[in-house]
Protein backbone atom coordinates (compact mmCIF):
# COMPACT_ATOMS: atom_id res chain seq x y z
CA UNK A 1 7.63 -12.75 -5.40
CA UNK A 2 5.19 -9.99 -4.51
CA UNK A 3 5.10 -6.82 -6.60
CA UNK A 4 6.49 -3.81 -4.77
CA UNK A 5 3.14 -2.05 -5.19
CA UNK A 6 1.29 -4.72 -3.21
CA UNK A 7 -0.51 -3.52 -0.09
CA UNK A 8 1.39 -6.20 1.84
CA UNK A 9 4.61 -4.29 1.07
CA UNK A 10 3.50 -1.11 2.81
CA UNK A 11 5.58 0.08 5.77
CA UNK A 12 4.04 1.27 9.01
CA UNK A 13 5.48 2.86 12.13
CA UNK A 14 4.34 1.50 15.48
CA UNK A 15 5.44 2.15 19.06
CA UNK A 16 6.97 -0.72 21.03
CA UNK A 17 8.30 -0.02 24.51
CA UNK A 18 7.97 3.67 23.73
CA UNK A 19 10.21 3.56 20.65
CA UNK A 20 9.15 3.81 16.97
CA UNK A 21 9.48 0.49 15.15
CA UNK A 22 8.99 0.00 11.41
CA UNK A 23 6.75 -2.89 10.39
CA UNK A 24 5.62 -4.53 7.16
CA UNK A 25 3.26 -7.44 6.52
CA UNK A 26 5.76 -8.92 4.06
CA UNK A 27 9.55 -8.71 3.89
CA UNK A 28 11.78 -7.30 1.17
CA UNK A 29 14.02 -9.90 -0.45
CA UNK A 30 14.21 -12.72 -2.99
CA UNK A 31 11.92 -15.32 -1.38
CA UNK A 32 8.57 -16.40 -2.86
CA UNK A 33 6.54 -14.32 -0.39
CA UNK A 34 8.95 -11.36 -0.42
CA UNK A 35 8.39 -7.92 -1.87
CA UNK A 36 10.76 -7.08 -4.70
CA UNK A 37 13.77 -4.95 -3.73
CA UNK A 38 13.99 -1.64 -5.59
CA UNK A 39 17.49 -0.44 -4.81
CA UNK A 40 17.08 3.21 -5.82
CA UNK A 41 13.87 3.55 -3.79
CA UNK A 42 14.66 1.22 -0.88
CA UNK A 43 18.17 2.57 -0.22
CA UNK A 44 18.21 6.35 0.09
CA UNK A 45 21.15 8.69 0.61
CA UNK A 46 20.14 11.76 2.62
CA UNK A 47 22.63 14.63 2.74
CA UNK A 48 22.74 17.08 5.64
CA UNK A 49 25.15 19.98 6.06
CA UNK A 50 25.18 23.15 8.15
CA UNK A 51 23.38 24.78 5.23
CA UNK A 52 20.50 22.29 5.53
CA UNK A 53 20.69 20.76 9.02
CA UNK A 54 17.03 19.70 9.13
CA UNK A 55 15.90 19.26 5.54
CA UNK A 56 17.93 16.60 3.72
CA UNK A 57 18.89 16.66 0.08
CA UNK A 58 18.49 13.31 -1.66
CA UNK A 59 21.48 12.09 -3.63
CA UNK A 60 21.36 9.29 -6.20
CA UNK A 61 23.88 6.88 -7.60
CA UNK A 62 25.37 8.16 -10.89
CA UNK A 63 23.40 11.43 -10.74
CA UNK A 64 26.30 13.84 -11.16
CA UNK A 65 24.05 16.83 -11.84
CA UNK A 66 22.17 16.45 -8.56
CA UNK A 67 25.43 15.96 -6.67
CA UNK A 68 26.96 19.12 -8.15
CA UNK A 69 23.87 21.20 -7.29
CA UNK A 70 23.67 19.90 -3.72
CA UNK A 71 25.38 21.28 -0.62
CA UNK A 72 27.92 18.46 -0.70
CA UNK A 73 31.35 20.04 -0.16
CA UNK A 74 34.32 18.23 -1.69
CA UNK A 75 36.66 19.91 0.81
CA UNK A 76 34.84 18.84 4.00
CA UNK A 77 34.94 15.45 5.77
CA UNK A 78 32.11 12.97 5.35
CA UNK A 79 30.33 11.12 8.15
CA UNK A 80 28.46 8.31 6.40
CA UNK A 81 26.03 6.51 8.71
CA UNK A 82 24.03 3.27 8.33
CA UNK A 83 21.23 2.61 10.84
CA UNK A 84 20.27 -0.72 12.37
CA UNK A 85 17.34 -3.15 12.20
CA UNK A 86 13.80 -1.67 12.36
CA UNK A 87 15.14 1.90 12.42
CA UNK A 88 15.01 4.65 9.82
CA UNK A 89 17.27 7.57 8.98
CA UNK A 90 14.55 10.10 9.76
CA UNK A 91 13.12 8.60 12.95
CA UNK A 92 12.89 11.13 15.76
CA UNK A 93 15.27 10.49 18.66
CA UNK A 94 16.81 7.51 16.87
CA UNK A 95 20.49 6.98 16.17
CA UNK A 96 20.66 8.59 12.72
CA UNK A 97 19.29 11.99 13.66
CA UNK A 98 21.20 12.15 16.94
CA UNK A 99 24.49 11.39 15.19
CA UNK A 100 23.77 13.88 12.42
CA UNK A 101 23.05 16.68 14.87
CA UNK A 102 26.25 15.97 16.82
CA UNK A 103 28.47 16.04 13.72
CA UNK A 104 26.95 19.27 12.41
CA UNK A 105 27.39 20.88 15.82
CA UNK A 106 31.04 19.84 15.95
CA UNK A 107 32.23 21.17 12.58
CA UNK A 108 31.46 21.67 8.89
CA UNK A 109 30.70 18.10 7.95
CA UNK A 110 28.96 16.43 5.08
CA UNK A 111 26.65 13.96 6.80
CA UNK A 112 25.00 11.28 4.68
CA UNK A 113 22.42 9.10 6.39
CA UNK A 114 21.58 5.88 4.61
CA UNK A 115 17.91 5.00 4.90
CA UNK A 116 17.47 1.33 4.05
CA UNK A 117 14.48 0.90 6.36
CA UNK A 118 12.28 -0.90 3.77
CA UNK A 119 14.83 -3.74 3.87
CA UNK A 120 15.07 -3.91 7.68
CA UNK A 121 11.45 -3.83 8.85
CA UNK A 122 10.03 -5.85 11.72
CA UNK A 123 9.63 -8.75 12.19
CA UNK A 124 11.77 -9.89 9.28
CA UNK A 125 15.26 -9.98 10.81
CA UNK A 126 16.40 -13.06 8.87
CA UNK A 127 15.43 -11.38 5.61
CA UNK A 128 17.23 -8.21 6.68
CA UNK A 129 20.42 -10.26 7.17
CA UNK A 130 19.92 -11.80 3.72
CA UNK A 131 19.49 -8.29 2.28
CA UNK A 132 22.74 -7.08 3.80
CA UNK A 133 24.99 -7.86 0.77
CA UNK A 134 22.54 -6.15 -1.58
CA UNK A 135 22.49 -2.97 0.50
CA UNK A 136 26.26 -3.04 1.05
CA UNK A 137 27.10 -3.35 -2.64
CA UNK A 138 24.77 -0.49 -3.52
CA UNK A 139 26.34 1.66 -0.80
CA UNK A 140 29.82 0.73 -2.04
CA UNK A 141 28.84 1.74 -5.56
CA UNK A 142 27.62 5.10 -4.22
CA UNK A 143 30.88 5.73 -2.34
CA UNK A 144 32.84 4.81 -5.49
CA UNK A 145 30.64 7.30 -7.37
CA UNK A 146 31.66 10.05 -4.91
CA UNK A 147 35.33 9.19 -5.32
CA UNK A 148 35.00 9.14 -9.10
CA UNK A 149 33.58 12.67 -8.91
CA UNK A 150 36.60 14.09 -7.12
CA UNK A 151 35.93 13.32 -3.47
CA UNK A 152 39.03 12.13 -1.62
CA UNK A 153 38.76 8.75 0.08
CA UNK A 154 40.74 10.03 3.08
CA UNK A 155 37.77 12.18 4.13
CA UNK A 156 35.34 9.26 4.50
CA UNK A 157 34.35 7.89 7.90
CA UNK A 158 31.90 4.99 7.56
CA UNK A 159 29.85 4.30 10.70
CA UNK A 160 27.22 1.64 11.33
CA UNK A 161 25.03 0.65 14.25
CA UNK A 162 23.97 -2.95 14.88
CA UNK A 163 23.12 -4.52 11.51
CA UNK A 164 24.37 -1.32 9.89
CA UNK A 165 27.85 -2.13 11.24
CA UNK A 166 27.83 -5.35 9.25
CA UNK A 167 26.68 -3.48 6.16
CA UNK A 168 29.61 -1.11 6.66
CA UNK A 169 32.03 -4.03 6.86
CA UNK A 170 30.63 -5.67 3.74
CA UNK A 171 30.79 -2.35 1.87
CA UNK A 172 34.44 -2.01 2.93
CA UNK A 173 35.15 -5.49 1.55
CA UNK A 174 33.48 -4.62 -1.75
CA UNK A 175 35.43 -1.38 -2.10
CA UNK A 176 38.67 -3.26 -1.48
CA UNK A 177 37.89 -5.43 -4.50
CA UNK A 178 37.67 -2.22 -6.52
CA UNK A 179 40.99 -0.91 -5.21
CA UNK A 180 39.55 1.60 -2.73
CA UNK A 181 40.59 1.44 0.93
CA UNK A 182 38.48 3.31 3.44
CA UNK A 183 40.49 5.10 6.14
CA UNK A 184 38.09 4.24 8.99
CA UNK A 185 35.05 2.14 9.80
CA UNK A 186 33.39 2.42 13.21
CA UNK A 187 31.11 -0.43 14.26
CA UNK A 188 28.61 0.29 17.03
CA UNK A 189 27.61 -2.96 18.76
CA UNK A 190 27.55 -5.23 15.69
CA UNK A 191 24.77 -7.82 16.01
CA UNK A 192 25.12 -11.34 17.40
CA UNK A 193 21.99 -13.12 16.05
CA UNK A 194 22.88 -14.98 12.83
CA UNK A 195 26.47 -13.74 13.11
CA UNK A 196 27.68 -16.32 15.64
CA UNK A 197 31.09 -17.83 14.90
CA UNK A 198 29.50 -20.92 13.32
CA UNK A 199 26.88 -19.04 11.29
CA UNK A 200 28.87 -18.78 8.08
CA UNK A 201 27.93 -15.12 7.66
CA UNK A 202 30.92 -12.86 7.21
CA UNK A 203 31.18 -10.06 9.71
CA UNK A 204 33.07 -6.82 10.18
CA UNK A 205 36.83 -7.40 10.48
CA UNK A 206 39.98 -5.33 10.83
CA UNK A 207 40.76 -5.90 7.13
CA UNK A 208 37.74 -3.89 5.95
CA UNK A 209 39.46 -0.49 6.40
CA UNK A 210 42.80 0.98 7.42
CA UNK A 211 41.40 1.43 10.92
CA UNK A 212 38.39 -0.40 12.33
CA UNK A 213 37.17 0.48 15.82
CA UNK A 214 34.25 -1.26 17.48
CA UNK A 215 32.19 -0.41 20.58
CA UNK A 216 30.53 -3.38 22.34
CA UNK A 217 27.72 -2.70 24.81
CA UNK A 218 25.27 -5.64 24.69
CA UNK A 219 27.58 -8.61 24.22
CA UNK A 220 25.89 -12.00 24.24
CA UNK A 221 22.34 -10.71 23.73
CA UNK A 222 21.82 -8.42 20.72
CA UNK A 223 25.49 -7.48 20.37
CA UNK A 224 28.44 -9.58 19.29
CA UNK A 225 31.11 -9.69 22.03
CA UNK A 226 33.82 -10.97 19.67
CA UNK A 227 36.81 -8.69 19.06
CA UNK A 228 36.74 -7.93 15.35
CA UNK A 229 38.53 -4.61 14.78
CA UNK A 230 41.96 -3.09 15.32
CA UNK A 231 40.57 -1.60 18.54
CA UNK A 232 37.58 -3.10 20.35
CA UNK A 233 36.09 -1.14 23.25
CA UNK A 234 34.14 -2.75 26.09
CA UNK A 235 32.53 -0.05 28.25
CA UNK A 236 31.34 -1.55 31.55
CA UNK A 237 32.52 -4.95 30.33
CA UNK A 238 30.67 -4.63 27.03
CA UNK A 239 27.63 -6.49 28.40
CA UNK A 240 24.06 -5.82 29.54
CA UNK A 241 22.89 -4.21 31.64
CA UNK A 242 24.74 -1.01 30.92
CA UNK A 243 24.69 1.39 33.90
CA UNK A 244 21.45 3.34 34.24
CA UNK A 245 19.42 1.23 31.80
CA UNK A 246 17.09 -0.28 34.39
CA UNK A 247 16.30 3.04 36.06
CA UNK A 248 15.94 4.89 32.75
CA UNK A 249 13.54 2.42 31.15
CA UNK A 250 11.45 1.90 34.29
CA UNK A 251 11.07 5.66 34.65
CA UNK A 252 9.77 5.81 31.07
CA UNK A 253 7.53 2.74 31.53
CA UNK A 254 9.53 0.79 28.95
CA UNK A 255 10.04 -2.48 30.80
CA UNK A 256 10.74 -4.56 27.70
CA UNK A 257 13.44 -2.16 26.61
CA UNK A 258 15.48 -2.95 29.73
CA UNK A 259 16.43 -6.31 28.22
CA UNK A 260 16.22 -5.86 24.46
CA UNK A 261 17.15 -2.31 23.63
CA UNK A 262 18.76 0.02 26.13
CA UNK A 263 22.20 -1.62 26.45
CA UNK A 264 22.35 -2.15 22.68
CA UNK A 265 21.69 1.49 21.86
CA UNK A 266 24.21 2.69 24.45
CA UNK A 267 26.86 2.02 21.77
CA UNK A 268 25.63 4.84 19.54
CA UNK A 269 24.81 7.04 22.53
CA UNK A 270 28.41 6.81 23.78
CA UNK A 271 29.78 7.49 20.30
CA UNK A 272 27.47 10.47 19.72
CA UNK A 273 28.62 11.98 23.02
CA UNK A 274 32.25 11.55 21.97
CA UNK A 275 31.78 13.60 18.79
CA UNK A 276 31.65 16.87 20.71
CA UNK A 277 33.53 15.61 23.79
CA UNK A 278 36.21 13.46 22.12
CA UNK A 279 38.24 12.82 25.28
CA UNK A 280 35.30 11.99 27.55
CA UNK A 281 35.94 8.24 27.48
CA UNK A 282 39.49 7.44 28.61
CA UNK A 283 40.42 3.77 28.68
CA UNK A 284 41.32 2.06 31.97
CA UNK A 285 43.10 -1.04 30.68
CA UNK A 286 43.99 -2.98 27.54
CA UNK A 287 44.24 -6.69 26.71
CA UNK A 288 45.73 -8.32 23.60
CA UNK A 289 43.50 -10.10 21.08
CA UNK A 290 44.01 -13.19 18.93
CA UNK A 291 44.85 -10.94 16.00
CA UNK A 292 47.21 -8.69 17.93
CA UNK A 293 49.58 -10.33 20.36
CA UNK A 294 50.21 -7.18 22.36
CA UNK A 295 48.39 -3.97 23.15
CA UNK A 296 49.18 -0.68 21.48
CA UNK A 297 47.72 2.33 23.25
CA UNK A 298 48.82 5.02 20.82
CA UNK A 299 50.52 8.13 22.13
CA UNK A 300 49.64 9.24 25.67
CA UNK A 301 46.64 7.04 26.35
CA UNK A 302 43.60 5.64 24.59
CA UNK A 303 40.10 7.03 24.21
CA UNK A 304 36.90 5.38 23.04
CA UNK A 305 34.88 7.07 20.34
CA UNK A 306 35.69 9.88 17.95
CA UNK A 307 39.20 10.45 19.35
CA UNK A 308 40.31 6.82 19.02
CA UNK A 309 43.93 6.81 17.84
CA UNK A 310 44.40 4.90 14.59
CA UNK A 311 47.42 3.14 16.06
CA UNK A 312 45.40 1.43 18.78
CA UNK A 313 45.50 -2.36 18.82
CA UNK A 314 43.74 -4.63 21.29
CA UNK A 315 40.71 -4.87 23.58
CA UNK A 316 40.10 -1.77 25.70
CA UNK A 317 38.04 -1.54 28.88
CA UNK A 318 36.52 1.45 30.67
CA UNK A 319 33.66 2.47 32.94
CA UNK A 320 31.00 5.08 32.21
CA UNK A 321 28.49 7.12 34.16
CA UNK A 322 24.90 5.86 34.41
CA UNK A 323 23.39 8.98 32.83
CA UNK A 324 24.49 11.70 30.38
CA UNK A 325 27.18 12.79 30.25
CA UNK A 326 28.23 9.14 30.15
CA UNK A 327 31.94 9.89 29.78
CA UNK A 328 33.74 10.02 33.11
CA UNK A 329 36.16 12.56 31.72
CA UNK A 330 33.36 14.66 30.25
CA UNK A 331 33.80 17.50 32.74
CA UNK A 332 37.43 17.94 31.74
CA UNK A 333 36.49 17.69 28.06
CA UNK A 334 33.93 20.48 28.17
CA UNK A 335 35.44 22.75 30.85
CA UNK A 336 36.83 25.18 28.28
CA UNK A 337 33.59 25.57 26.37
CA UNK A 338 31.66 26.18 29.58
CA UNK A 339 34.00 28.90 30.80
CA UNK A 340 34.10 32.60 30.06
CA UNK A 341 36.72 31.81 27.44
CA UNK A 342 34.30 29.91 25.18
CA UNK A 343 34.54 32.34 22.28
CA UNK A 344 38.31 32.67 22.48
CA UNK A 345 38.79 28.93 22.75
CA UNK A 346 36.64 28.20 19.74
CA UNK A 347 38.54 30.79 17.72
CA UNK A 348 41.82 29.10 18.61
CA UNK A 349 40.45 25.68 17.73
CA UNK A 350 39.09 26.83 14.39
CA UNK A 351 42.32 28.59 13.45
CA UNK A 352 44.46 25.64 14.47
CA UNK A 353 42.22 22.85 13.23
CA UNK A 354 43.97 19.52 12.92
CA UNK A 355 44.94 18.58 9.38
CA UNK A 356 43.48 15.45 7.85
CA UNK A 357 46.04 12.72 7.26
CA UNK A 358 46.91 12.83 3.57
CA UNK A 359 46.23 9.94 1.25
CA UNK A 360 49.28 8.09 -0.02
CA UNK A 361 50.26 6.41 -3.22
CA UNK A 362 48.79 3.09 -4.26
CA UNK A 363 49.77 0.19 -2.02
CA UNK A 364 49.47 -3.29 -3.54
CA UNK A 365 47.05 -1.90 -6.08
CA UNK A 366 44.87 -0.06 -3.57
CA UNK A 367 44.67 3.42 -2.13
CA UNK A 368 44.67 4.34 1.51
CA UNK A 369 47.03 4.89 4.43
CA UNK A 370 50.35 3.13 4.43
CA UNK A 371 50.80 0.91 7.50
CA UNK A 372 54.26 2.44 7.73
CA UNK A 373 52.84 5.95 7.81
CA UNK A 374 54.63 6.64 11.11
CA UNK A 375 56.03 10.02 10.11
CA UNK A 376 52.64 11.38 9.09
CA UNK A 377 50.97 10.03 12.22
CA UNK A 378 53.72 11.58 14.34
CA UNK A 379 53.08 14.95 12.70
CA UNK A 380 49.35 14.53 13.39
CA UNK A 381 50.04 13.74 17.06
CA UNK A 382 52.39 16.71 17.46
CA UNK A 383 49.76 18.97 15.92
CA UNK A 384 47.20 17.66 18.41
CA UNK A 385 49.61 18.31 21.28
CA UNK A 386 50.23 21.89 20.13
CA UNK A 387 46.47 22.47 19.82
CA UNK A 388 45.81 21.16 23.32
CA UNK A 389 48.51 23.45 24.75
CA UNK A 390 47.18 26.49 22.91
CA UNK A 391 43.60 25.86 24.07
CA UNK A 392 44.72 25.44 27.68
CA UNK A 393 46.66 28.72 27.63
CA UNK A 394 43.75 30.63 26.09
CA UNK A 395 41.34 29.26 28.66
CA UNK A 396 43.61 30.05 31.62
CA UNK A 397 44.07 33.63 30.42
CA UNK A 398 40.32 34.22 30.21
CA UNK A 399 39.17 32.35 33.30
CA UNK A 400 41.35 30.89 36.01
CA UNK A 401 38.57 28.55 37.07
CA UNK A 402 38.50 26.74 33.73
CA UNK A 403 40.80 23.78 33.33
CA UNK A 404 41.60 21.54 30.41
CA UNK A 405 43.05 18.19 31.24
CA UNK A 406 44.33 16.97 27.93
CA UNK A 407 45.43 13.41 27.46
CA UNK A 408 46.10 13.69 23.75
């Protein structure tokens, strides 16, 4: 095994098809020609809040003093994001930074970006897959550390793109062994290579959290088309080419990206758009899966992305636009904020913010949301309905031309 200080273990950023790719002459891992993994240095936790939207604060496992002095707010929800292969958490115009900006724009979030780029560098994909359990266990330990320091599990939303989605699933499995049930994991186009049904590698499943939703956009190439969550979404059939990819990449002289990148990254692009336009992606139809014999579309329709109802079960299909805004219901979603009633509408939303679903007592030795939590979910749905009605009335009063078409 190579020492971590070896020049072969250095990481470089190069441009391929116009996108930054992280490269190393030797992989991280446990093989004879691998660089040694240093968990505390190779897996970083970068905290962003509205107090520090551009300059992250580094958090460390078991460092209670640093946590207490940071901007981490125990009362605010946490978006915890894990990037994919050959990415980094700080790469400009990559998934991590785009998602962080969207969450901070939407509300007062804690956003933690996991940077495990030293373990996912090009061209060492096989080693990155082998490193997945190591990264996932370290991430699970960090989440357990947050919970042990007073943070409520019900606030955590674990999100992963590509290989990061599989890390999220593995972390969820590890936390379950420790009696902690995550309320939600969102997988954004989990990878297909080395995760085929006969590969033997475990992948994200609906048992990893109380609610697992998955967006498939590059099925059969880089993305895994298999239904693996409670709710699996297949925009434009869930396959390449996603609408607009050919024109977009040709216009930017990124011919290679037409086949190997654009459709794959549409998964995080759709999800990022849904953070501030949660009802932009209404579902057209639903099919049952092997795990769920019949569809469940929640209350009043299903939406892909941030507004996905936790009662959804099945495979959901929809079409998107070929350029931003991708959501075909985006105009209805943002009509209020574009009208003269923007200020009034935001005031109403802030004063009537939806409550988080409360955590419940231990269930079979674990903590989380009871599957029979119908009463609480009904209250949450009624609150959403009242909010939608209030926003619509405020908008109509201020500007007759503004319309909100709510399908909550």
